[in-house]
């Protein structure tokens, strides 16, 4: 899988900036989560679904839980690839995204996360069934499902 935890990732490349660093001289942990969010939206866009569909469908996905592992550090100027996969979806209310960030130079993994989501109505704020476009996007690719089956 070329160093990726799972096959067929959606990948977005970033370069850490000086503004991303904290007082300790490395990228602040909150910035990793912001990059994960940016990658998730790019994945949505990559499926050719305009973001306006959320308003039209009166749907959004709210994060219920995020588990994050910071396995290294990044500094200003470091280039890295952020990968995302849909790893669980019931096609109705719940889904999960998994993330892995790897340095472009050398490929070392510096971050992994798992985010659990629930679909909700934008107008009411209450849980609501995914529309077809949402369930189509939040689907587990067969290659990913097969790889997940072999994980221990």
Protein backbone atom coordinates (compact mmCIF):
# COMPACT_ATOMS: atom_id res chain seq x y z
CA UNK A 1 0.00 0.00 0.00
CA UNK A 2 3.05 2.18 -0.50
CA UNK A 3 3.32 3.11 3.18
CA UNK A 4 -0.34 3.98 3.59
CA UNK A 5 -2.33 2.18 6.26
CA UNK A 6 -5.12 1.37 3.80
CA UNK A 7 -5.44 1.20 0.00
CA UNK A 8 -6.86 3.90 -2.27
CA UNK A 9 -6.48 6.95 -0.03
CA UNK A 10 -7.68 10.40 -0.96
CA UNK A 11 -4.50 12.48 -0.56
CA UNK A 12 -3.92 16.19 -0.14
CA UNK A 13 -0.47 17.78 0.14
CA UNK A 14 0.30 20.53 2.65
CA UNK A 15 3.30 22.59 3.70
CA UNK A 16 3.49 23.65 7.34
CA UNK A 17 3.89 27.40 7.80
CA UNK A 18 5.54 29.40 10.58
CA UNK A 19 2.05 30.49 11.69
CA UNK A 20 1.21 26.81 12.32
CA UNK A 21 3.90 26.52 14.99
CA UNK A 22 3.31 27.06 18.68
CA UNK A 23 5.60 28.40 21.42
CA UNK A 24 7.54 25.12 21.39
CA UNK A 25 8.61 25.59 17.76
CA UNK A 26 6.58 22.76 16.28
CA UNK A 27 3.15 22.59 14.66
CA UNK A 28 0.39 22.89 17.23
CA UNK A 29 -1.81 19.82 17.68
CA UNK A 30 -4.98 21.78 16.81
CA UNK A 31 -3.53 22.50 13.36
CA UNK A 32 -3.43 18.77 12.55
CA UNK A 33 -7.17 18.61 13.17
CA UNK A 34 -7.73 21.65 10.95
CA UNK A 35 -5.75 19.95 8.17
CA UNK A 36 -7.85 16.81 8.65
CA UNK A 37 -10.98 18.94 8.20
CA UNK A 38 -9.55 20.58 5.06
CA UNK A 39 -8.72 17.13 3.68
CA UNK A 40 -12.25 15.88 4.40
CA UNK A 41 -13.76 18.82 2.48
CA UNK A 42 -11.32 18.26 -0.40
CA UNK A 43 -12.40 14.59 -0.43
CA UNK A 44 -16.03 15.76 -0.66
CA UNK A 45 -15.08 18.11 -3.52
CA UNK A 46 -13.08 15.30 -5.14
CA UNK A 47 -16.26 13.27 -5.43
CA UNK A 48 -17.64 16.11 -7.56
CA UNK A 49 -20.27 17.08 -5.02
CA UNK A 50 -20.69 20.84 -4.58
CA UNK A 51 -20.78 21.94 -0.95
CA UNK A 52 -24.06 23.72 -1.67
CA UNK A 53 -25.65 20.26 -1.69
CA UNK A 54 -25.47 20.31 2.10
CA UNK A 55 -27.83 23.29 2.24
CA UNK A 56 -30.03 21.91 -0.54
CA UNK A 57 -30.29 18.53 1.19
CA UNK A 58 -30.59 20.18 4.65
CA UNK A 59 -27.86 17.82 5.87
CA UNK A 60 -24.47 17.98 7.52
CA UNK A 61 -22.14 15.64 9.38
CA UNK A 62 -21.29 16.42 13.00
CA UNK A 63 -18.24 14.98 14.71
CA UNK A 64 -19.18 12.83 17.69
CA UNK A 65 -15.68 11.73 18.64
CA UNK A 66 -12.10 12.17 17.50
CA UNK A 67 -9.26 9.87 18.51
CA UNK A 68 -5.87 11.28 17.52
CA UNK A 69 -2.34 9.92 17.76
CA UNK A 70 0.53 12.38 17.33
CA UNK A 71 3.45 10.21 16.27
CA UNK A 72 6.00 12.82 15.33
CA UNK A 73 6.21 16.52 14.86
CA UNK A 74 6.20 18.95 11.99
CA UNK A 75 7.90 22.33 11.73
CA UNK A 76 7.51 25.26 9.37
CA UNK A 77 8.54 24.26 5.86
CA UNK A 78 7.82 20.55 6.31
CA UNK A 79 5.82 19.08 3.41
CA UNK A 80 3.45 16.22 4.17
CA UNK A 81 0.61 14.26 2.62
CA UNK A 82 -2.72 13.94 4.42
CA UNK A 83 -4.71 10.83 3.54
CA UNK A 84 -8.32 10.09 4.38
CA UNK A 85 -10.58 7.07 4.01
CA UNK A 86 -14.20 6.35 4.85
CA UNK A 87 -13.83 3.27 7.07
CA UNK A 88 -17.39 2.80 8.32
CA UNK A 89 -20.83 3.87 7.20
CA UNK A 90 -24.24 2.50 7.99
CA UNK A 91 -25.63 4.50 5.03
CA UNK A 92 -28.20 6.08 7.33
CA UNK A 93 -26.81 8.11 10.25
CA UNK A 94 -23.26 7.18 11.16
CA UNK A 95 -19.90 7.16 9.44
CA UNK A 96 -16.20 7.23 10.28
CA UNK A 97 -13.20 8.78 8.57
CA UNK A 98 -9.64 7.64 9.19
CA UNK A 99 -6.62 9.87 8.61
CA UNK A 100 -2.89 9.34 8.20
CA UNK A 101 -0.35 12.13 7.67
CA UNK A 102 3.07 11.23 6.25
CA UNK A 103 6.13 13.36 5.62
CA UNK A 104 6.73 13.81 1.90
CA UNK A 105 10.46 13.29 2.50
CA UNK A 106 10.96 9.76 3.79
CA UNK A 107 7.30 8.86 4.30
CA UNK A 108 7.32 8.72 8.11
CA UNK A 109 3.82 8.78 9.62
CA UNK A 110 3.41 11.73 11.99
CA UNK A 111 -0.33 11.61 12.70
CA UNK A 112 -3.28 9.23 12.69
CA UNK A 113 -6.87 9.91 13.65
CA UNK A 114 -10.31 8.34 13.61
CA UNK A 115 -13.38 10.59 13.54
CA UNK A 116 -16.91 9.37 14.14
CA UNK A 117 -19.78 11.35 12.62
CA UNK A 118 -23.55 11.52 12.73
CA UNK A 119 -25.71 12.96 9.97
CA UNK A 120 -28.02 15.76 11.04
CA UNK A 121 -30.54 18.22 9.67
CA UNK A 122 -29.02 21.68 9.25
CA UNK A 123 -32.38 23.33 9.95
CA UNK A 124 -33.22 21.47 13.16
CA UNK A 125 -29.84 20.32 14.46
CA UNK A 126 -31.33 16.87 15.05
CA UNK A 127 -30.02 13.56 13.69
CA UNK A 128 -31.44 12.87 10.22
CA UNK A 129 -31.09 10.09 7.69
CA UNK A 130 -28.41 10.59 5.03
CA UNK A 131 -29.65 11.62 1.62
CA UNK A 132 -28.52 9.57 -1.38
CA UNK A 133 -25.64 11.96 -2.11
CA UNK A 134 -24.46 11.69 1.48
CA UNK A 135 -24.71 7.90 1.59
CA UNK A 136 -22.93 7.70 -1.79
CA UNK A 137 -20.03 9.81 -0.48
CA UNK A 138 -19.89 8.13 2.91
CA UNK A 139 -19.34 4.66 1.53
CA UNK A 140 -16.49 2.30 2.29
CA UNK A 141 -14.57 1.40 -0.87
CA UNK A 142 -14.39 -2.38 -1.44
CA UNK A 143 -10.58 -2.27 -1.33
CA UNK A 144 -10.70 -0.50 2.03
CA UNK A 145 -13.32 -2.92 3.40
CA UNK A 146 -11.11 -5.87 2.38
CA UNK A 147 -8.04 -4.32 4.04
CA UNK A 148 -9.99 -3.57 7.22
CA UNK A 149 -10.99 -7.24 7.40
CA UNK A 150 -7.32 -8.25 7.56
CA UNK A 151 -6.37 -5.76 10.31
CA UNK A 152 -6.00 -7.25 13.74
